[in-house]
Amino acid sequence: MSPVLSIDQETSLGLKAKRLRLALLLTQHNLAAVAGVPIAEVDLFEQNLPVRVDTKRKLLRELWARKVGKG
């Protein structure tokens, strides 16, 4: 019997991005607007549901830029 693989919700990229977004005091709407992606895709990403790689890249780039700029 092979082990069942599961996504660890505590270490998922979407959850980490959500925590960073909240720490930066951004709403999903704000992040979507500055990253140039639909708000629905921000929600999907934060729930670890499938989104395009380009969408992930835009969201993460925007979050990282704001985090670095804040420090």
PDB file of N, CA and C in Angstrom:
ATOM      1  N   MET A   1       0.845  -1.181   0.000  1.00  0.00           N
ATOM      2  CA  MET A   1       0.000   0.000   0.000  1.00  0.00           C
ATOM      3  C   MET A   1       0.888   1.242   0.000  1.00  0.00           C
ATOM      4  N   SER A   2       0.642   2.134  -0.926  1.00  0.00           N
ATOM      5  CA  SER A   2       1.455   3.346  -1.009  1.00  0.00           C
ATOM      6  C   SER A   2       0.861   4.451  -0.136  1.00  0.00           C
ATOM      7  N   PRO A   3       1.707   5.330   0.387  1.00  0.00           N
ATOM      8  CA  PRO A   3       1.196   6.423   1.231  1.00  0.00           C
ATOM      9  C   PRO A   3       0.369   7.413   0.406  1.00  0.00           C
ATOM     10  N   VAL A   4      -0.580   8.022   1.043  1.00  0.00           N
ATOM     11  CA  VAL A   4      -1.425   9.017   0.398  1.00  0.00           C
ATOM     12  C   VAL A   4      -0.750  10.372   0.509  1.00  0.00           C
ATOM     13  N   LEU A   5      -0.587  11.033  -0.616  1.00  0.00           N
ATOM     14  CA  LEU A   5       0.022  12.359  -0.600  1.00  0.00           C
ATOM     15  C   LEU A   5      -1.056  13.400  -0.391  1.00  0.00           C
ATOM     16  N   SER A   6      -0.778  14.361   0.435  1.00  0.00           N
ATOM     17  CA  SER A   6      -1.731  15.442   0.661  1.00  0.00           C
ATOM     18  C   SER A   6      -0.986  16.768   0.715  1.00  0.00           C
ATOM     19  N   ILE A   7      -1.685  17.815   0.387  1.00  0.00           N
ATOM     20  CA  ILE A   7      -1.103  19.148   0.454  1.00  0.00           C
ATOM     21  C   ILE A   7      -1.157  19.617   1.901  1.00  0.00           C
ATOM     22  N   ASP A   8      -0.022  19.988   2.428  1.00  0.00           N
ATOM     23  CA  ASP A   8       0.038  20.512   3.788  1.00  0.00           C
ATOM     24  C   ASP A   8      -0.425  21.961   3.752  1.00  0.00           C
ATOM     25  N   GLN A   9      -1.603  22.208   4.262  1.00  0.00           N
ATOM     26  CA  GLN A   9      -2.193  23.542   4.188  1.00  0.00           C
ATOM     27  C   GLN A   9      -1.373  24.587   4.931  1.00  0.00           C
ATOM     28  N   GLU A  10      -0.608  24.187   5.921  1.00  0.00           N
ATOM     29  CA  GLU A  10       0.175  25.156   6.692  1.00  0.00           C
ATOM     30  C   GLU A  10       1.414  25.636   5.941  1.00  0.00           C
ATOM     31  N   THR A  11       1.890  24.862   4.983  1.00  0.00           N
ATOM     32  CA  THR A  11       3.097  25.256   4.261  1.00  0.00           C
ATOM     33  C   THR A  11       2.824  25.531   2.783  1.00  0.00           C
ATOM     34  N   SER A  12       1.581  25.593   2.402  1.00  0.00           N
ATOM     35  CA  SER A  12       1.260  25.810   0.996  1.00  0.00           C
ATOM     36  C   SER A  12       1.616  27.237   0.567  1.00  0.00           C
ATOM     37  N   LEU A  13       1.991  27.366  -0.689  1.00  0.00           N
ATOM     38  CA  LEU A  13       2.371  28.667  -1.229  1.00  0.00           C
ATOM     39  C   LEU A  13       1.203  29.652  -1.163  1.00  0.00           C
ATOM     40  N   GLY A  14       0.010  29.186  -1.462  1.00  0.00           N
ATOM     41  CA  GLY A  14      -1.162  30.057  -1.427  1.00  0.00           C
ATOM     42  C   GLY A  14      -1.423  30.624  -0.042  1.00  0.00           C
ATOM     43  N   LEU A  15      -1.300  29.775   0.974  1.00  0.00           N
ATOM     44  CA  LEU A  15      -1.526  30.239   2.345  1.00  0.00           C
ATOM     45  C   LEU A  15      -0.436  31.215   2.776  1.00  0.00           C
ATOM     46  N   LYS A  16       0.802  30.942   2.389  1.00  0.00           N
ATOM     47  CA  LYS A  16       1.892  31.869   2.727  1.00  0.00           C
ATOM     48  C   LYS A  16       1.667  33.221   2.055  1.00  0.00           C
ATOM     49  N   ALA A  17       1.219  33.190   0.803  1.00  0.00           N
ATOM     50  CA  ALA A  17       0.942  34.437   0.088  1.00  0.00           C
ATOM     51  C   ALA A  17      -0.202  35.195   0.759  1.00  0.00           C
ATOM     52  N   LYS A  18      -1.217  34.478   1.202  1.00  0.00           N
ATOM     53  CA  LYS A  18      -2.350  35.124   1.875  1.00  0.00           C
ATOM     54  C   LYS A  18      -1.887  35.791   3.171  1.00  0.00           C
ATOM     55  N   ARG A  19      -1.073  35.082   3.938  1.00  0.00           N
ATOM     56  CA  ARG A  19      -0.567  35.649   5.194  1.00  0.00           C
ATOM     57  C   ARG A  19       0.255  36.910   4.942  1.00  0.00           C
ATOM     58  N   LEU A  20       1.074  36.874   3.903  1.00  0.00           N
ATOM     59  CA  LEU A  20       1.875  38.049   3.566  1.00  0.00           C
ATOM     60  C   LEU A  20       0.984  39.191   3.112  1.00  0.00           C
ATOM     61  N   ARG A  21      -0.023  38.884   2.286  1.00  0.00           N
ATOM     62  CA  ARG A  21      -0.963  39.923   1.831  1.00  0.00           C
ATOM     63  C   ARG A  21      -1.632  40.595   3.018  1.00  0.00           C
ATOM     64  N   LEU A  22      -2.077  39.803   3.973  1.00  0.00           N
ATOM     65  CA  LEU A  22      -2.744  40.359   5.154  1.00  0.00           C
ATOM     66  C   LEU A  22      -1.769  41.171   6.009  1.00  0.00           C
ATOM     67  N   ALA A  23      -0.530  40.704   6.137  1.00  0.00           N
ATOM     68  CA  ALA A  23       0.478  41.439   6.904  1.00  0.00           C
ATOM     69  C   ALA A  23       0.787  42.782   6.257  1.00  0.00           C
ATOM     70  N   LEU A  24       0.660  42.836   4.937  1.00  0.00           N
ATOM     71  CA  LEU A  24       0.903  44.083   4.214  1.00  0.00           C
ATOM     72  C   LEU A  24      -0.345  44.965   4.145  1.00  0.00           C
ATOM     73  N   LEU A  25      -1.412  44.512   4.788  1.00  0.00           N
ATOM     74  CA  LEU A  25      -2.679  45.242   4.846  1.00  0.00           C
ATOM     75  C   LEU A  25      -3.293  45.465   3.464  1.00  0.00           C
ATOM     76  N   LEU A  26      -3.180  44.455   2.613  1.00  0.00           N
ATOM     77  CA  LEU A  26      -3.790  44.504   1.282  1.00  0.00           C
ATOM     78  C   LEU A  26      -5.036  43.629   1.251  1.00  0.00           C
ATOM     79  N   THR A  27      -6.047  44.091   0.564  1.00  0.00           N
ATOM     80  CA  THR A  27      -7.210  43.245   0.319  1.00  0.00           C
ATOM     81  C   THR A  27      -6.951  42.434  -0.950  1.00  0.00           C
ATOM     82  N   GLN A  28      -7.758  41.415  -1.165  1.00  0.00           N
ATOM     83  CA  GLN A  28      -7.635  40.658  -2.412  1.00  0.00           C
ATOM     84  C   GLN A  28      -7.867  41.584  -3.602  1.00  0.00           C
ATOM     85  N   HIS A  29      -8.807  42.491  -3.455  1.00  0.00           N
ATOM     86  CA  HIS A  29      -9.114  43.433  -4.538  1.00  0.00           C
ATOM     87  C   HIS A  29      -7.909  44.324  -4.839  1.00  0.00           C
ATOM     88  N   ASN A  30      -7.262  44.845  -3.801  1.00  0.00           N
ATOM     89  CA  ASN A  30      -6.065  45.689  -3.990  1.00  0.00           C
ATOM     90  C   ASN A  30      -4.954  44.920  -4.696  1.00  0.00           C
ATOM     91  N   LEU A  31      -4.693  43.711  -4.217  1.00  0.00           N
ATOM     92  CA  LEU A  31      -3.628  42.905  -4.806  1.00  0.00           C
ATOM     93  C   LEU A  31      -3.927  42.581  -6.262  1.00  0.00           C
ATOM     94  N   ALA A  32      -5.160  42.220  -6.542  1.00  0.00           N
ATOM     95  CA  ALA A  32      -5.540  41.914  -7.926  1.00  0.00           C
ATOM     96  C   ALA A  32      -5.326  43.127  -8.822  1.00  0.00           C
ATOM     97  N   ALA A  33      -5.699  44.285  -8.334  1.00  0.00           N
ATOM     98  CA  ALA A  33      -5.576  45.504  -9.131  1.00  0.00           C
ATOM     99  C   ALA A  33      -4.118  45.841  -9.437  1.00  0.00           C
ATOM    100  N   VAL A  34      -3.260  45.807  -8.428  1.00  0.00           N
ATOM    101  CA  VAL A  34      -1.866  46.177  -8.657  1.00  0.00           C
ATOM    102  C   VAL A  34      -1.104  45.111  -9.439  1.00  0.00           C
ATOM    103  N   ALA A  35      -1.515  43.852  -9.311  1.00  0.00           N
ATOM    104  CA  ALA A  35      -0.844  42.771 -10.042  1.00  0.00           C
ATOM    105  C   ALA A  35      -1.406  42.598 -11.448  1.00  0.00           C
ATOM    106  N   GLY A  36      -2.567  43.185 -11.704  1.00  0.00           N
ATOM    107  CA  GLY A  36      -3.164  43.086 -13.030  1.00  0.00           C
ATOM    108  C   GLY A  36      -3.781  41.731 -13.327  1.00  0.00           C
ATOM    109  N   VAL A  37      -4.382  41.128 -12.304  1.00  0.00           N
ATOM    110  CA  VAL A  37      -5.049  39.831 -12.487  1.00  0.00           C
ATOM    111  C   VAL A  37      -6.478  39.927 -11.960  1.00  0.00           C
ATOM    112  N   PRO A  38      -7.359  39.040 -12.406  1.00  0.00           N
ATOM    113  CA  PRO A  38      -8.728  39.043 -11.888  1.00  0.00           C
ATOM    114  C   PRO A  38      -8.753  38.677 -10.395  1.00  0.00           C
ATOM    115  N   ILE A  39      -9.638  39.301  -9.660  1.00  0.00           N
ATOM    116  CA  ILE A  39      -9.738  39.033  -8.215  1.00  0.00           C
ATOM    117  C   ILE A  39     -10.059  37.564  -7.943  1.00  0.00           C
ATOM    118  N   ALA A  40     -10.813  36.946  -8.822  1.00  0.00           N
ATOM    119  CA  ALA A  40     -11.150  35.526  -8.633  1.00  0.00           C
ATOM    120  C   ALA A  40      -9.894  34.663  -8.624  1.00  0.00           C
ATOM    121  N   GLU A  41      -8.882  35.062  -9.388  1.00  0.00           N
ATOM    122  CA  GLU A  41      -7.649  34.279  -9.429  1.00  0.00           C
ATOM    123  C   GLU A  41      -6.829  34.444  -8.157  1.00  0.00           C
ATOM    124  N   VAL A  42      -6.924  35.590  -7.505  1.00  0.00           N
ATOM    125  CA  VAL A  42      -6.266  35.767  -6.208  1.00  0.00           C
ATOM    126  C   VAL A  42      -6.888  34.793  -5.211  1.00  0.00           C
ATOM    127  N   ASP A  43      -8.193  34.734  -5.204  1.00  0.00           N
ATOM    128  CA  ASP A  43      -8.899  33.825  -4.297  1.00  0.00           C
ATOM    129  C   ASP A  43      -8.544  32.370  -4.583  1.00  0.00           C
ATOM    130  N   LEU A  44      -8.527  31.986  -5.838  1.00  0.00           N
ATOM    131  CA  LEU A  44      -8.170  30.607  -6.199  1.00  0.00           C
ATOM    132  C   LEU A  44      -6.755  30.276  -5.748  1.00  0.00           C
ATOM    133  N   PHE A  45      -5.833  31.184  -5.987  1.00  0.00           N
ATOM    134  CA  PHE A  45      -4.441  30.967  -5.600  1.00  0.00           C
ATOM    135  C   PHE A  45      -4.308  30.782  -4.094  1.00  0.00           C
ATOM    136  N   GLU A  46      -4.984  31.619  -3.331  1.00  0.00           N
ATOM    137  CA  GLU A  46      -4.885  31.533  -1.869  1.00  0.00           C
ATOM    138  C   GLU A  46      -5.528  30.260  -1.325  1.00  0.00           C
ATOM    139  N   GLN A  47      -6.405  29.651  -2.104  1.00  0.00           N
ATOM    140  CA  GLN A  47      -7.033  28.386  -1.701  1.00  0.00           C
ATOM    141  C   GLN A  47      -6.293  27.181  -2.273  1.00  0.00           C
ATOM    142  N   ASN A  48      -5.142  27.429  -2.894  1.00  0.00           N
ATOM    143  CA  ASN A  48      -4.333  26.383  -3.515  1.00  0.00           C
ATOM    144  C   ASN A  48      -5.064  25.635  -4.614  1.00  0.00           C
ATOM    145  N   LEU A  49      -5.912  26.348  -5.322  1.00  0.00           N
ATOM    146  CA  LEU A  49      -6.599  25.779  -6.470  1.00  0.00           C
ATOM    147  C   LEU A  49      -5.839  26.185  -7.726  1.00  0.00           C
ATOM    148  N   PRO A  50      -6.047  25.476  -8.818  1.00  0.00           N
ATOM    149  CA  PRO A  50      -5.266  25.750 -10.025  1.00  0.00           C
ATOM    150  C   PRO A  50      -5.452  27.161 -10.592  1.00  0.00           C
ATOM    151  N   VAL A  51      -4.336  27.820 -10.840  1.00  0.00           N
ATOM    152  CA  VAL A  51      -4.290  29.099 -11.560  1.00  0.00           C
ATOM    153  C   VAL A  51      -3.080  29.039 -12.480  1.00  0.00           C
ATOM    154  N   ARG A  52      -3.064  29.906 -13.474  1.00  0.00           N
ATOM    155  CA  ARG A  52      -1.948  29.931 -14.417  1.00  0.00           C
ATOM    156  C   ARG A  52      -0.645  30.324 -13.713  1.00  0.00           C
ATOM    157  N   VAL A  53       0.439  29.799 -14.193  1.00  0.00           N
ATOM    158  CA  VAL A  53       1.753  30.126 -13.624  1.00  0.00           C
ATOM    159  C   VAL A  53       2.015  31.618 -13.737  1.00  0.00           C
ATOM    160  N   ASP A  54       1.616  32.219 -14.826  1.00  0.00           N
ATOM    161  CA  ASP A  54       1.810  33.658 -15.008  1.00  0.00           C
ATOM    162  C   ASP A  54       1.081  34.456 -13.923  1.00  0.00           C
ATOM    163  N   THR A  55      -0.100  33.999 -13.539  1.00  0.00           N
ATOM    164  CA  THR A  55      -0.851  34.660 -12.467  1.00  0.00           C
ATOM    165  C   THR A  55      -0.103  34.556 -11.146  1.00  0.00           C
ATOM    166  N   LYS A  56       0.386  33.369 -10.837  1.00  0.00           N
ATOM    167  CA  LYS A  56       1.157  33.184  -9.603  1.00  0.00           C
ATOM    168  C   LYS A  56       2.373  34.108  -9.597  1.00  0.00           C
ATOM    169  N   ARG A  57       3.060  34.178 -10.729  1.00  0.00           N
ATOM    170  CA  ARG A  57       4.254  35.004 -10.830  1.00  0.00           C
ATOM    171  C   ARG A  57       3.937  36.473 -10.576  1.00  0.00           C
ATOM    172  N   LYS A  58       2.858  36.957 -11.163  1.00  0.00           N
ATOM    173  CA  LYS A  58       2.468  38.364 -10.977  1.00  0.00           C
ATOM    174  C   LYS A  58       2.118  38.653  -9.524  1.00  0.00           C
ATOM    175  N   LEU A  59       1.361  37.764  -8.908  1.00  0.00           N
ATOM    176  CA  LEU A  59       0.960  37.967  -7.515  1.00  0.00           C
ATOM    177  C   LEU A  59       2.164  37.936  -6.584  1.00  0.00           C
ATOM    178  N   LEU A  60       3.008  36.924  -6.755  1.00  0.00           N
ATOM    179  CA  LEU A  60       4.171  36.796  -5.878  1.00  0.00           C
ATOM    180  C   LEU A  60       5.166  37.929  -6.082  1.00  0.00           C
ATOM    181  N   ARG A  61       5.328  38.367  -7.323  1.00  0.00           N
ATOM    182  CA  ARG A  61       6.237  39.491  -7.594  1.00  0.00           C
ATOM    183  C   ARG A  61       5.748  40.753  -6.884  1.00  0.00           C
ATOM    184  N   GLU A  62       4.462  41.007  -6.941  1.00  0.00           N
ATOM    185  CA  GLU A  62       3.901  42.200  -6.296  1.00  0.00           C
ATOM    186  C   GLU A  62       4.024  42.119  -4.773  1.00  0.00           C
ATOM    187  N   LEU A  63       3.712  40.955  -4.208  1.00  0.00           N
ATOM    188  CA  LEU A  63       3.829  40.787  -2.756  1.00  0.00           C
ATOM    189  C   LEU A  63       5.282  40.959  -2.307  1.00  0.00           C
ATOM    190  N   TRP A  64       6.205  40.354  -3.051  1.00  0.00           N
ATOM    191  CA  TRP A  64       7.616  40.439  -2.676  1.00  0.00           C
ATOM    192  C   TRP A  64       8.114  41.887  -2.760  1.00  0.00           C
ATOM    193  N   ALA A  65       7.743  42.581  -3.815  1.00  0.00           N
ATOM    194  CA  ALA A  65       8.176  43.972  -3.975  1.00  0.00           C
ATOM    195  C   ALA A  65       7.684  44.828  -2.812  1.00  0.00           C
ATOM    196  N   ARG A  66       6.469  44.605  -2.390  1.00  0.00           N
ATOM    197  CA  ARG A  66       5.927  45.387  -1.271  1.00  0.00           C
ATOM    198  C   ARG A  66       6.592  45.004   0.044  1.00  0.00           C
ATOM    199  N   LYS A  67       6.895  43.712   0.214  1.00  0.00           N
ATOM    200  CA  LYS A  67       7.555  43.277   1.445  1.00  0.00           C
ATOM    201  C   LYS A  67       8.961  43.869   1.541  1.00  0.00           C
ATOM    202  N   VAL A  68       9.703  43.812   0.453  1.00  0.00           N
ATOM    203  CA  VAL A  68      11.070  44.344   0.430  1.00  0.00           C
ATOM    204  C   VAL A  68      11.039  45.868   0.596  1.00  0.00           C
ATOM    205  N   GLY A  69      10.111  46.511  -0.056  1.00  0.00           N
ATOM    206  CA  GLY A  69      10.003  47.961   0.038  1.00  0.00           C
ATOM    207  C   GLY A  69       9.605  48.452   1.425  1.00  0.00           C
ATOM    208  N   LYS A  70       8.898  47.600   2.157  1.00  0.00           N
ATOM    209  CA  LYS A  70       8.434  47.968   3.488  1.00  0.00           C
ATOM    210  C   LYS A  70       9.556  47.883   4.525  1.00  0.00           C
ATOM    211  N   GLY A  71      10.485  46.947   4.308  1.00  0.00           N
ATOM    212  CA  GLY A  71      11.555  46.693   5.262  1.00  0.00           C
ATOM    213  C   GLY A  71      12.620  47.693   5.198  1.00  0.00           C
TER     214      GLY A  71
END
